[in-house]
Amino acid sequence: MIIAGDLLDELGSVNVDFRDSVWRSGFSISSSKSLKGSGGGGCC
């Protein structure tokens, strides 16, 4: 995964995990720091 340097400073450590279950499968991306935003969600 490539993350811009200035964004990485805001995110802290980033964890990328692939989950596969009966209900849902896909990538889960989380960071050690919480980002403040509009809460509208987004897509990669």
PDB file of N, CA and C in Angstrom:
ATOM      1  N   MET A   1       0.851  -1.164   0.000  1.00  0.00           N
ATOM      2  CA  MET A   1       0.000   0.000   0.000  1.00  0.00           C
ATOM      3  C   MET A   1       0.898   1.228   0.000  1.00  0.00           C
ATOM      4  N   ILE A   2       0.502   2.223  -0.764  1.00  0.00           N
ATOM      5  CA  ILE A   2       1.249   3.477  -0.827  1.00  0.00           C
ATOM      6  C   ILE A   2       0.393   4.564  -0.194  1.00  0.00           C
ATOM      7  N   ILE A   3       0.997   5.281   0.755  1.00  0.00           N
ATOM      8  CA  ILE A   3       0.304   6.366   1.447  1.00  0.00           C
ATOM      9  C   ILE A   3       1.181   7.613   1.371  1.00  0.00           C
ATOM     10  N   ALA A   4       0.596   8.739   0.990  1.00  0.00           N
ATOM     11  CA  ALA A   4       1.331  10.001   0.928  1.00  0.00           C
ATOM     12  C   ALA A   4       1.907  10.329   2.296  1.00  0.00           C
ATOM     13  N   GLY A   5       3.123  10.871   2.311  1.00  0.00           N
ATOM     14  CA  GLY A   5       3.822  11.166   3.558  1.00  0.00           C
ATOM     15  C   GLY A   5       3.042  12.043   4.518  1.00  0.00           C
ATOM     16  N   ASP A   6       2.408  13.102   4.007  1.00  0.00           N
ATOM     17  CA  ASP A   6       1.663  14.005   4.888  1.00  0.00           C
ATOM     18  C   ASP A   6       0.436  13.320   5.482  1.00  0.00           C
ATOM     19  N   LEU A   7      -0.191  12.420   4.713  1.00  0.00           N
ATOM     20  CA  LEU A   7      -1.331  11.676   5.231  1.00  0.00           C
ATOM     21  C   LEU A   7      -0.881  10.650   6.259  1.00  0.00           C
ATOM     22  N   LEU A   8       0.275  10.045   6.036  1.00  0.00           N
ATOM     23  CA  LEU A   8       0.803   9.059   6.984  1.00  0.00           C
ATOM     24  C   LEU A   8       1.077   9.702   8.339  1.00  0.00           C
ATOM     25  N   ASP A   9       1.515  10.956   8.334  1.00  0.00           N
ATOM     26  CA  ASP A   9       1.721  11.679   9.596  1.00  0.00           C
ATOM     27  C   ASP A   9       0.410  11.816  10.358  1.00  0.00           C
ATOM     28  N   GLU A  10      -0.691  12.028   9.644  1.00  0.00           N
ATOM     29  CA  GLU A  10      -2.001  12.166  10.284  1.00  0.00           C
ATOM     30  C   GLU A  10      -2.562  10.824  10.745  1.00  0.00           C
ATOM     31  N   LEU A  11      -2.261   9.751   9.997  1.00  0.00           N
ATOM     32  CA  LEU A  11      -2.839   8.446  10.297  1.00  0.00           C
ATOM     33  C   LEU A  11      -2.118   7.691  11.401  1.00  0.00           C
ATOM     34  N   GLY A  12      -0.831   7.881  11.546  1.00  0.00           N
ATOM     35  CA  GLY A  12      -0.067   7.051  12.474  1.00  0.00           C
ATOM     36  C   GLY A  12       0.169   5.698  11.828  1.00  0.00           C
ATOM     37  N   SER A  13       0.172   4.637  12.598  1.00  0.00           N
ATOM     38  CA  SER A  13       0.358   3.312  12.006  1.00  0.00           C
ATOM     39  C   SER A  13      -0.933   2.864  11.334  1.00  0.00           C
ATOM     40  N   VAL A  14      -0.797   2.182  10.199  1.00  0.00           N
ATOM     41  CA  VAL A  14      -1.941   1.746   9.406  1.00  0.00           C
ATOM     42  C   VAL A  14      -1.957   0.225   9.355  1.00  0.00           C
ATOM     43  N   ASN A  15      -3.131  -0.360   9.581  1.00  0.00           N
ATOM     44  CA  ASN A  15      -3.310  -1.808   9.545  1.00  0.00           C
ATOM     45  C   ASN A  15      -4.261  -2.154   8.404  1.00  0.00           C
ATOM     46  N   VAL A  16      -3.803  -3.040   7.502  1.00  0.00           N
ATOM     47  CA  VAL A  16      -4.639  -3.502   6.392  1.00  0.00           C
ATOM     48  C   VAL A  16      -4.839  -4.999   6.580  1.00  0.00           C
ATOM     49  N   ASP A  17      -6.086  -5.432   6.606  1.00  0.00           N
ATOM     50  CA  ASP A  17      -6.411  -6.835   6.850  1.00  0.00           C
ATOM     51  C   ASP A  17      -7.472  -7.270   5.852  1.00  0.00           C
ATOM     52  N   PHE A  18      -7.405  -8.519   5.380  1.00  0.00           N
ATOM     53  CA  PHE A  18      -8.453  -9.061   4.523  1.00  0.00           C
ATOM     54  C   PHE A  18      -9.299  -9.994   5.358  1.00  0.00           C
ATOM     55  N   ARG A  19     -10.585  -9.760   5.353  1.00  0.00           N
ATOM     56  CA  ARG A  19     -11.521 -10.588   6.120  1.00  0.00           C
ATOM     57  C   ARG A  19     -12.441 -11.322   5.163  1.00  0.00           C
ATOM     58  N   ASP A  20     -12.682 -12.573   5.465  1.00  0.00           N
ATOM     59  CA  ASP A  20     -13.561 -13.391   4.630  1.00  0.00           C
ATOM     60  C   ASP A  20     -14.484 -14.165   5.549  1.00  0.00           C
ATOM     61  N   SER A  21     -15.764 -13.808   5.539  1.00  0.00           N
ATOM     62  CA  SER A  21     -16.732 -14.491   6.390  1.00  0.00           C
ATOM     63  C   SER A  21     -18.014 -14.736   5.601  1.00  0.00           C
ATOM     64  N   VAL A  22     -18.945 -15.393   6.219  1.00  0.00           N
ATOM     65  CA  VAL A  22     -20.219 -15.687   5.582  1.00  0.00           C
ATOM     66  C   VAL A  22     -20.955 -14.395   5.230  1.00  0.00           C
ATOM     67  N   TRP A  23     -20.878 -13.403   6.111  1.00  0.00           N
ATOM     68  CA  TRP A  23     -21.639 -12.168   5.949  1.00  0.00           C
ATOM     69  C   TRP A  23     -20.938 -11.127   5.098  1.00  0.00           C
ATOM     70  N   ARG A  24     -19.623 -11.090   5.150  1.00  0.00           N
ATOM     71  CA  ARG A  24     -18.904 -10.014   4.469  1.00  0.00           C
ATOM     72  C   ARG A  24     -17.466 -10.437   4.206  1.00  0.00           C
ATOM     73  N   SER A  25     -16.940 -10.020   3.075  1.00  0.00           N
ATOM     74  CA  SER A  25     -15.524 -10.228   2.803  1.00  0.00           C
ATOM     75  C   SER A  25     -14.966  -8.974   2.155  1.00  0.00           C
ATOM     76  N   GLY A  26     -13.703  -8.720   2.399  1.00  0.00           N
ATOM     77  CA  GLY A  26     -13.045  -7.560   1.822  1.00  0.00           C
ATOM     78  C   GLY A  26     -11.966  -7.037   2.739  1.00  0.00           C
ATOM     79  N   PHE A  27     -11.384  -5.940   2.333  1.00  0.00           N
ATOM     80  CA  PHE A  27     -10.297  -5.349   3.096  1.00  0.00           C
ATOM     81  C   PHE A  27     -10.830  -4.450   4.207  1.00  0.00           C
ATOM     82  N   SER A  28     -10.152  -4.505   5.332  1.00  0.00           N
ATOM     83  CA  SER A  28     -10.434  -3.639   6.463  1.00  0.00           C
ATOM     84  C   SER A  28      -9.179  -2.793   6.692  1.00  0.00           C
ATOM     85  N   ILE A  29      -9.318  -1.482   6.673  1.00  0.00           N
ATOM     86  CA  ILE A  29      -8.188  -0.585   6.861  1.00  0.00           C
ATOM     87  C   ILE A  29      -8.458   0.263   8.089  1.00  0.00           C
ATOM     88  N   SER A  30      -7.508   0.266   9.016  1.00  0.00           N
ATOM     89  CA  SER A  30      -7.666   1.065  10.229  1.00  0.00           C
ATOM     90  C   SER A  30      -6.344   1.753  10.555  1.00  0.00           C
ATOM     91  N   SER A  31      -6.425   2.791  11.363  1.00  0.00           N
ATOM     92  CA  SER A  31      -5.221   3.508  11.772  1.00  0.00           C
ATOM     93  C   SER A  31      -5.217   3.691  13.277  1.00  0.00           C
ATOM     94  N   SER A  32      -4.029   3.986  13.798  1.00  0.00           N
ATOM     95  CA  SER A  32      -3.897   4.163  15.242  1.00  0.00           C
ATOM     96  C   SER A  32      -4.465   5.500  15.706  1.00  0.00           C
ATOM     97  N   LYS A  33      -4.615   6.446  14.799  1.00  0.00           N
ATOM     98  CA  LYS A  33      -5.173   7.754  15.138  1.00  0.00           C
ATOM     99  C   LYS A  33      -6.522   7.922  14.466  1.00  0.00           C
ATOM    100  N   SER A  34      -7.426   8.582  15.129  1.00  0.00           N
ATOM    101  CA  SER A  34      -8.744   8.853  14.570  1.00  0.00           C
ATOM    102  C   SER A  34      -8.683  10.114  13.716  1.00  0.00           C
ATOM    103  N   LEU A  35      -9.255  10.058  12.514  1.00  0.00           N
ATOM    104  CA  LEU A  35      -9.300  11.230  11.651  1.00  0.00           C
ATOM    105  C   LEU A  35     -10.632  11.943  11.832  1.00  0.00           C
ATOM    106  N   LYS A  36     -10.573  13.249  11.893  1.00  0.00           N
ATOM    107  CA  LYS A  36     -11.793  14.043  12.003  1.00  0.00           C
ATOM    108  C   LYS A  36     -12.234  14.397  10.596  1.00  0.00           C
ATOM    109  N   GLY A  37     -13.520  14.160  10.318  1.00  0.00           N
ATOM    110  CA  GLY A  37     -14.027  14.464   8.990  1.00  0.00           C
ATOM    111  C   GLY A  37     -15.513  14.637   9.022  1.00  0.00           C
ATOM    112  N   SER A  38     -16.092  14.638   7.853  1.00  0.00           N
ATOM    113  CA  SER A  38     -17.528  14.873   7.754  1.00  0.00           C
ATOM    114  C   SER A  38     -18.341  13.620   8.103  1.00  0.00           C
ATOM    115  N   GLY A  39     -17.693  12.450   8.131  1.00  0.00           N
ATOM    116  CA  GLY A  39     -18.414  11.235   8.443  1.00  0.00           C
ATOM    117  C   GLY A  39     -19.201  10.696   7.270  1.00  0.00           C
ATOM    118  N   GLY A  40     -18.934  11.191   6.076  1.00  0.00           N
ATOM    119  CA  GLY A  40     -19.667  10.779   4.898  1.00  0.00           C
ATOM    120  C   GLY A  40     -19.195   9.471   4.292  1.00  0.00           C
ATOM    121  N   GLY A  41     -18.089   8.936   4.783  1.00  0.00           N
ATOM    122  CA  GLY A  41     -17.576   7.696   4.235  1.00  0.00           C
ATOM    123  C   GLY A  41     -16.767   7.960   2.980  1.00  0.00           C
ATOM    124  N   GLY A  42     -16.252   6.883   2.422  1.00  0.00           N
ATOM    125  CA  GLY A  42     -15.442   7.030   1.226  1.00  0.00           C
ATOM    126  C   GLY A  42     -15.137   5.688   0.637  1.00  0.00           C
ATOM    127  N   CYS A  43     -14.433   5.718  -0.449  1.00  0.00           N
ATOM    128  CA  CYS A  43     -14.117   4.486  -1.154  1.00  0.00           C
ATOM    129  C   CYS A  43     -12.697   4.575  -1.671  1.00  0.00           C
ATOM    130  N   CYS A  44     -12.030   3.438  -1.717  1.00  0.00           N
ATOM    131  CA  CYS A  44     -10.663   3.398  -2.258  1.00  0.00           C
ATOM    132  C   CYS A  44     -10.714   3.040  -3.717  1.00  0.00           C
TER     133      CYS A  44
END
